[in-house]
PDB file of N, CA and C in Angstrom:
ATOM      1  N   MET A   1       0.817  -1.190   0.000  1.00  0.00           N
ATOM      2  CA  MET A   1       0.000   0.000   0.000  1.00  0.00           C
ATOM      3  C   MET A   1       0.863   1.257   0.000  1.00  0.00           C
ATOM      4  N   GLU A   2       1.973   1.220   0.714  1.00  0.00           N
ATOM      5  CA  GLU A   2       2.866   2.377   0.790  1.00  0.00           C
ATOM      6  C   GLU A   2       3.533   2.644  -0.556  1.00  0.00           C
ATOM      7  N   LYS A   3       3.863   1.583  -1.301  1.00  0.00           N
ATOM      8  CA  LYS A   3       4.456   1.769  -2.625  1.00  0.00           C
ATOM      9  C   LYS A   3       3.474   2.422  -3.579  1.00  0.00           C
ATOM     10  N   LEU A   4       2.212   2.036  -3.480  1.00  0.00           N
ATOM     11  CA  LEU A   4       1.187   2.629  -4.328  1.00  0.00           C
ATOM     12  C   LEU A   4       1.008   4.114  -4.014  1.00  0.00           C
ATOM     13  N   LYS A   5       0.998   4.445  -2.749  1.00  0.00           N
ATOM     14  CA  LYS A   5       0.870   5.845  -2.335  1.00  0.00           C
ATOM     15  C   LYS A   5       2.068   6.657  -2.817  1.00  0.00           C
ATOM     16  N   LEU A   6       3.253   6.139  -2.680  1.00  0.00           N
ATOM     17  CA  LEU A   6       4.461   6.812  -3.136  1.00  0.00           C
ATOM     18  C   LEU A   6       4.451   6.996  -4.652  1.00  0.00           C
ATOM     19  N   PHE A   7       3.981   5.986  -5.373  1.00  0.00           N
ATOM     20  CA  PHE A   7       3.890   6.062  -6.827  1.00  0.00           C
ATOM     21  C   PHE A   7       3.017   7.234  -7.265  1.00  0.00           C
ATOM     22  N   PHE A   8       1.834   7.364  -6.661  1.00  0.00           N
ATOM     23  CA  PHE A   8       0.921   8.434  -7.041  1.00  0.00           C
ATOM     24  C   PHE A   8       1.414   9.800  -6.584  1.00  0.00           C
ATOM     25  N   GLU A   9       2.066   9.866  -5.440  1.00  0.00           N
ATOM     26  CA  GLU A   9       2.577  11.146  -4.968  1.00  0.00           C
ATOM     27  C   GLU A   9       3.700  11.654  -5.858  1.00  0.00           C
ATOM     28  N   GLU A  10       4.520  10.762  -6.389  1.00  0.00           N
ATOM     29  CA  GLU A  10       5.615  11.182  -7.255  1.00  0.00           C
ATOM     30  C   GLU A  10       5.131  11.603  -8.633  1.00  0.00           C
ATOM     31  N   ARG A  11       4.077  10.967  -9.138  1.00  0.00           N
ATOM     32  CA  ARG A  11       3.640  11.216 -10.497  1.00  0.00           C
ATOM     33  C   ARG A  11       2.393  12.093 -10.610  1.00  0.00           C
ATOM     34  N   ALA A  12       1.776  12.411  -9.490  1.00  0.00           N
ATOM     35  CA  ALA A  12       0.592  13.259  -9.517  1.00  0.00           C
ATOM     36  C   ALA A  12       1.015  14.713  -9.697  1.00  0.00           C
ATOM     37  N   PHE A  13       0.060  15.557  -9.896  1.00  0.00           N
ATOM     38  CA  PHE A  13       0.344  16.962 -10.157  1.00  0.00           C
ATOM     39  C   PHE A  13       0.709  17.740  -8.904  1.00  0.00           C
ATOM     40  N   GLY A  14       0.354  17.261  -7.748  1.00  0.00           N
ATOM     41  CA  GLY A  14       0.670  17.949  -6.512  1.00  0.00           C
ATOM     42  C   GLY A  14      -0.343  19.006  -6.113  1.00  0.00           C
ATOM     43  N   VAL A  15      -1.526  18.935  -6.672  1.00  0.00           N
ATOM     44  CA  VAL A  15      -2.558  19.924  -6.361  1.00  0.00           C
ATOM     45  C   VAL A  15      -2.979  19.824  -4.908  1.00  0.00           C
ATOM     46  N   CYS A  16      -3.234  18.632  -4.433  1.00  0.00           N
ATOM     47  CA  CYS A  16      -3.677  18.459  -3.045  1.00  0.00           C
ATOM     48  C   CYS A  16      -2.574  18.870  -2.068  1.00  0.00           C
ATOM     49  N   SER A  17      -1.350  18.560  -2.384  1.00  0.00           N
ATOM     50  CA  SER A  17      -0.235  18.954  -1.519  1.00  0.00           C
ATOM     51  C   SER A  17      -0.108  20.461  -1.455  1.00  0.00           C
ATOM     52  N   ARG A  18      -0.227  21.096  -2.600  1.00  0.00           N
ATOM     53  CA  ARG A  18      -0.121  22.559  -2.661  1.00  0.00           C
ATOM     54  C   ARG A  18      -1.263  23.226  -1.893  1.00  0.00           C
ATOM     55  N   LEU A  19      -2.478  22.710  -2.058  1.00  0.00           N
ATOM     56  CA  LEU A  19      -3.620  23.255  -1.317  1.00  0.00           C
ATOM     57  C   LEU A  19      -3.441  23.065   0.183  1.00  0.00           C
ATOM     58  N   GLY A  20      -2.945  21.903   0.567  1.00  0.00           N
ATOM     59  CA  GLY A  20      -2.716  21.631   1.979  1.00  0.00           C
ATOM     60  C   GLY A  20      -1.694  22.571   2.591  1.00  0.00           C
ATOM     61  N   GLU A  21      -0.638  22.874   1.839  1.00  0.00           N
ATOM     62  CA  GLU A  21       0.377  23.796   2.325  1.00  0.00           C
ATOM     63  C   GLU A  21      -0.173  25.217   2.436  1.00  0.00           C
ATOM     64  N   LYS A  22      -0.912  25.642   1.426  1.00  0.00           N
ATOM     65  CA  LYS A  22      -1.449  27.002   1.410  1.00  0.00           C
ATOM     66  C   LYS A  22      -2.513  27.209   2.490  1.00  0.00           C
ATOM     67  N   LEU A  23      -3.391  26.224   2.672  1.00  0.00           N
ATOM     68  CA  LEU A  23      -4.502  26.364   3.602  1.00  0.00           C
ATOM     69  C   LEU A  23      -4.188  25.838   5.000  1.00  0.00           C
ATOM     70  N   ASN A  24      -2.988  25.261   5.160  1.00  0.00           N
ATOM     71  CA  ASN A  24      -2.595  24.648   6.428  1.00  0.00           C
ATOM     72  C   ASN A  24      -3.637  23.612   6.872  1.00  0.00           C
ATOM     73  N   PHE A  25      -3.917  22.685   5.958  1.00  0.00           N
ATOM     74  CA  PHE A  25      -4.943  21.667   6.144  1.00  0.00           C
ATOM     75  C   PHE A  25      -4.329  20.318   5.803  1.00  0.00           C
ATOM     76  N   PRO A  26      -4.736  19.232   6.455  1.00  0.00           N
ATOM     77  CA  PRO A  26      -4.150  17.914   6.158  1.00  0.00           C
ATOM     78  C   PRO A  26      -4.366  17.496   4.694  1.00  0.00           C
ATOM     79  N   ILE A  27      -3.313  17.054   4.071  1.00  0.00           N
ATOM     80  CA  ILE A  27      -3.340  16.692   2.658  1.00  0.00           C
ATOM     81  C   ILE A  27      -4.253  15.498   2.416  1.00  0.00           C
ATOM     82  N   ASP A  28      -4.232  14.530   3.322  1.00  0.00           N
ATOM     83  CA  ASP A  28      -5.080  13.356   3.157  1.00  0.00           C
ATOM     84  C   ASP A  28      -6.560  13.718   3.155  1.00  0.00           C
ATOM     85  N   SER A  29      -6.937  14.699   3.954  1.00  0.00           N
ATOM     86  CA  SER A  29      -8.340  15.134   3.982  1.00  0.00           C
ATOM     87  C   SER A  29      -8.742  15.777   2.661  1.00  0.00           C
ATOM     88  N   ILE A  30      -7.843  16.529   2.074  1.00  0.00           N
ATOM     89  CA  ILE A  30      -8.133  17.162   0.786  1.00  0.00           C
ATOM     90  C   ILE A  30      -8.272  16.104  -0.299  1.00  0.00           C
ATOM     91  N   ARG A  31      -7.394  15.121  -0.275  1.00  0.00           N
ATOM     92  CA  ARG A  31      -7.474  14.043  -1.265  1.00  0.00           C
ATOM     93  C   ARG A  31      -8.787  13.276  -1.135  1.00  0.00           C
ATOM     94  N   LEU A  32      -9.159  12.959   0.102  1.00  0.00           N
ATOM     95  CA  LEU A  32     -10.419  12.251   0.320  1.00  0.00           C
ATOM     96  C   LEU A  32     -11.610  13.093  -0.133  1.00  0.00           C
ATOM     97  N   PHE A  33     -11.546  14.396   0.096  1.00  0.00           N
ATOM     98  CA  PHE A  33     -12.616  15.267  -0.367  1.00  0.00           C
ATOM     99  C   PHE A  33     -12.763  15.185  -1.885  1.00  0.00           C
ATOM    100  N   PHE A  34     -11.656  15.257  -2.621  1.00  0.00           N
ATOM    101  CA  PHE A  34     -11.716  15.160  -4.079  1.00  0.00           C
ATOM    102  C   PHE A  34     -12.269  13.811  -4.525  1.00  0.00           C
ATOM    103  N   ILE A  35     -11.857  12.747  -3.860  1.00  0.00           N
ATOM    104  CA  ILE A  35     -12.319  11.409  -4.249  1.00  0.00           C
ATOM    105  C   ILE A  35     -13.810  11.245  -3.990  1.00  0.00           C
ATOM    106  N   TYR A  36     -14.247  11.569  -2.774  1.00  0.00           N
ATOM    107  CA  TYR A  36     -15.660  11.396  -2.437  1.00  0.00           C
ATOM    108  C   TYR A  36     -16.558  12.333  -3.226  1.00  0.00           C
ATOM    109  N   SER A  37     -16.140  13.568  -3.385  1.00  0.00           N
ATOM    110  CA  SER A  37     -16.980  14.504  -4.143  1.00  0.00           C
ATOM    111  C   SER A  37     -17.030  14.126  -5.618  1.00  0.00           C
ATOM    112  N   SER A  38     -15.996  13.491  -6.128  1.00  0.00           N
ATOM    113  CA  SER A  38     -16.026  13.027  -7.520  1.00  0.00           C
ATOM    114  C   SER A  38     -17.061  11.927  -7.707  1.00  0.00           C
ATOM    115  N   PHE A  39     -17.170  11.039  -6.733  1.00  0.00           N
ATOM    116  CA  PHE A  39     -18.179   9.986  -6.833  1.00  0.00           C
ATOM    117  C   PHE A  39     -19.595  10.542  -6.683  1.00  0.00           C
ATOM    118  N   ILE A  40     -19.761  11.479  -5.770  1.00  0.00           N
ATOM    119  CA  ILE A  40     -21.095  12.026  -5.507  1.00  0.00           C
ATOM    120  C   ILE A  40     -21.588  12.885  -6.669  1.00  0.00           C
ATOM    121  N   THR A  41     -20.708  13.705  -7.226  1.00  0.00           N
ATOM    122  CA  THR A  41     -21.117  14.648  -8.276  1.00  0.00           C
ATOM    123  C   THR A  41     -20.777  14.161  -9.682  1.00  0.00           C
ATOM    124  N   LEU A  42     -20.460  12.906  -9.816  1.00  0.00           N
ATOM    125  CA  LEU A  42     -20.171  12.283 -11.116  1.00  0.00           C
ATOM    126  C   LEU A  42     -18.987  12.911 -11.843  1.00  0.00           C
ATOM    127  N   GLY A  43     -17.944  13.265 -11.095  1.00  0.00           N
ATOM    128  CA  GLY A  43     -16.682  13.638 -11.713  1.00  0.00           C
ATOM    129  C   GLY A  43     -16.419  15.110 -11.918  1.00  0.00           C
ATOM    130  N   SER A  44     -17.308  15.998 -11.523  1.00  0.00           N
ATOM    131  CA  SER A  44     -17.044  17.419 -11.765  1.00  0.00           C
ATOM    132  C   SER A  44     -15.829  17.947 -10.996  1.00  0.00           C
ATOM    133  N   PRO A  45     -15.494  17.462  -9.798  1.00  0.00           N
ATOM    134  CA  PRO A  45     -14.260  17.938  -9.160  1.00  0.00           C
ATOM    135  C   PRO A  45     -12.991  17.534  -9.926  1.00  0.00           C
ATOM    136  N   VAL A  46     -13.081  16.528 -10.750  1.00  0.00           N
ATOM    137  CA  VAL A  46     -11.923  16.136 -11.559  1.00  0.00           C
ATOM    138  C   VAL A  46     -11.569  17.274 -12.518  1.00  0.00           C
ATOM    139  N   ILE A  47     -12.579  17.946 -13.047  1.00  0.00           N
ATOM    140  CA  ILE A  47     -12.344  19.086 -13.939  1.00  0.00           C
ATOM    141  C   ILE A  47     -11.646  20.203 -13.171  1.00  0.00           C
ATOM    142  N   VAL A  48     -12.077  20.456 -11.951  1.00  0.00           N
ATOM    143  CA  VAL A  48     -11.448  21.479 -11.112  1.00  0.00           C
ATOM    144  C   VAL A  48     -10.004  21.085 -10.812  1.00  0.00           C
ATOM    145  N   TYR A  49      -9.780  19.825 -10.489  1.00  0.00           N
ATOM    146  CA  TYR A  49      -8.433  19.337 -10.178  1.00  0.00           C
ATOM    147  C   TYR A  49      -7.501  19.503 -11.375  1.00  0.00           C
ATOM    148  N   VAL A  50      -7.953  19.109 -12.546  1.00  0.00           N
ATOM    149  CA  VAL A  50      -7.115  19.200 -13.746  1.00  0.00           C
ATOM    150  C   VAL A  50      -6.837  20.656 -14.099  1.00  0.00           C
ATOM    151  N   SER A  51      -7.839  21.513 -13.968  1.00  0.00           N
ATOM    152  CA  SER A  51      -7.611  22.927 -14.275  1.00  0.00           C
ATOM    153  C   SER A  51      -6.626  23.550 -13.281  1.00  0.00           C
ATOM    154  N   MET A  52      -6.713  23.165 -12.016  1.00  0.00           N
ATOM    155  CA  MET A  52      -5.746  23.660 -11.034  1.00  0.00           C
ATOM    156  C   MET A  52      -4.341  23.148 -11.337  1.00  0.00           C
ATOM    157  N   ALA A  53      -4.236  21.907 -11.771  1.00  0.00           N
ATOM    158  CA  ALA A  53      -2.935  21.347 -12.135  1.00  0.00           C
ATOM    159  C   ALA A  53      -2.344  22.084 -13.332  1.00  0.00           C
ATOM    160  N   MET A  54      -3.183  22.397 -14.296  1.00  0.00           N
ATOM    161  CA  MET A  54      -2.705  23.133 -15.468  1.00  0.00           C
ATOM    162  C   MET A  54      -2.241  24.533 -15.071  1.00  0.00           C
ATOM    163  N   MET A  55      -2.977  25.189 -14.183  1.00  0.00           N
ATOM    164  CA  MET A  55      -2.576  26.520 -13.726  1.00  0.00           C
ATOM    165  C   MET A  55      -1.236  26.469 -13.002  1.00  0.00           C
ATOM    166  N   MET A  56      -1.020  25.430 -12.202  1.00  0.00           N
ATOM    167  CA  MET A  56       0.253  25.298 -11.499  1.00  0.00           C
ATOM    168  C   MET A  56       1.402  25.101 -12.476  1.00  0.00           C
ATOM    169  N   LYS A  57       1.194  24.280 -13.510  1.00  0.00           N
ATOM    170  CA  LYS A  57       2.245  24.045 -14.498  1.00  0.00           C
ATOM    171  C   LYS A  57       2.554  25.309 -15.295  1.00  0.00           C
ATOM    172  N   ILE A  58       1.510  26.069 -15.648  1.00  0.00           N
ATOM    173  CA  ILE A  58       1.714  27.303 -16.404  1.00  0.00           C
ATOM    174  C   ILE A  58       2.471  28.325 -15.562  1.00  0.00           C
ATOM    175  N   ARG A  59       2.087  28.459 -14.299  1.00  0.00           N
ATOM    176  CA  ARG A  59       2.794  29.391 -13.416  1.00  0.00           C
ATOM    177  C   ARG A  59       4.258  28.995 -13.252  1.00  0.00           C
ATOM    178  N   LYS A  60       4.523  27.703 -13.133  1.00  0.00           N
ATOM    179  CA  LYS A  60       5.903  27.228 -13.003  1.00  0.00           C
ATOM    180  C   LYS A  60       6.693  27.526 -14.271  1.00  0.00           C
ATOM    181  N   TYR A  61       6.062  27.368 -15.419  1.00  0.00           N
ATOM    182  CA  TYR A  61       6.709  27.650 -16.691  1.00  0.00           C
ATOM    183  C   TYR A  61       7.069  29.136 -16.794  1.00  0.00           C
ATOM    184  N   PHE A  62       6.125  30.020 -16.439  1.00  0.00           N
ATOM    185  CA  PHE A  62       6.388  31.453 -16.525  1.00  0.00           C
ATOM    186  C   PHE A  62       7.440  31.902 -15.519  1.00  0.00           C
ATOM    187  N   ARG A  63       7.450  31.299 -14.354  1.00  0.00           N
ATOM    188  CA  ARG A  63       8.500  31.629 -13.388  1.00  0.00           C
ATOM    189  C   ARG A  63       9.870  31.243 -13.925  1.00  0.00           C
ATOM    190  N   LYS A  64       9.937  30.111 -14.586  1.00  0.00           N
ATOM    191  CA  LYS A  64      11.208  29.664 -15.162  1.00  0.00           C
ATOM    192  C   LYS A  64      11.635  30.589 -16.292  1.00  0.00           C
ATOM    193  N   MET A  65      10.674  31.076 -17.077  1.00  0.00           N
ATOM    194  CA  MET A  65      10.991  31.982 -18.179  1.00  0.00           C
ATOM    195  C   MET A  65      11.449  33.349 -17.662  1.00  0.00           C
ATOM    196  N   ASN A  66      10.884  33.812 -16.542  1.00  0.00           N
ATOM    197  CA  ASN A  66      11.258  35.110 -15.986  1.00  0.00           C
ATOM    198  C   ASN A  66      12.591  35.075 -15.278  1.00  0.00           C
ATOM    199  N   ASN A  67      12.994  33.930 -14.798  1.00  0.00           N
ATOM    200  CA  ASN A  67      14.247  33.802 -14.072  1.00  0.00           C
ATOM    201  C   ASN A  67      15.024  32.624 -14.656  1.00  0.00           C
ATOM    202  N   PRO A  68      15.702  32.823 -15.783  1.00  0.00           N
ATOM    203  CA  PRO A  68      16.380  31.697 -16.438  1.00  0.00           C
ATOM    204  C   PRO A  68      17.594  31.173 -15.687  1.00  0.00           C
ATOM    205  N   VAL A  69      18.044  31.865 -14.639  1.00  0.00           N
ATOM    206  CA  VAL A  69      19.198  31.410 -13.885  1.00  0.00           C
ATOM    207  C   VAL A  69      18.856  30.186 -13.044  1.00  0.00           C
ATOM    208  N   LEU A  70      17.617  30.164 -12.518  1.00  0.00           N
ATOM    209  CA  LEU A  70      17.205  29.046 -11.667  1.00  0.00           C
ATOM    210  C   LEU A  70      16.588  27.942 -12.517  1.00  0.00           C
ATOM    211  N   PHE A  71      17.054  26.740 -12.305  1.00  0.00           N
ATOM    212  CA  PHE A  71      16.505  25.582 -13.033  1.00  0.00           C
ATOM    213  C   PHE A  71      15.945  24.606 -12.030  1.00  0.00           C
ATOM    214  N   ASP A  72      14.820  23.959 -12.394  1.00  0.00           N
ATOM    215  CA  ASP A  72      14.225  22.916 -11.538  1.00  0.00           C
ATOM    216  C   ASP A  72      14.842  21.592 -11.824  1.00  0.00           C
TER     217      ASP A  72
END
């Protein structure tokens, strides 16, 4: 079970982790909220999750373009 969790944490977008850090809220609770609300509302939170992931990637790209000295 721990390997599966590590696999998803390494390859996921990090939206739940970022929200947890910003809101000072447990990351596992945020993940469970996305999972349960996706089942209840037939997947609409998945659209929110993907759009947030895209916004994070775009912001990271622009930060890299504005400061070419720092590399990830």
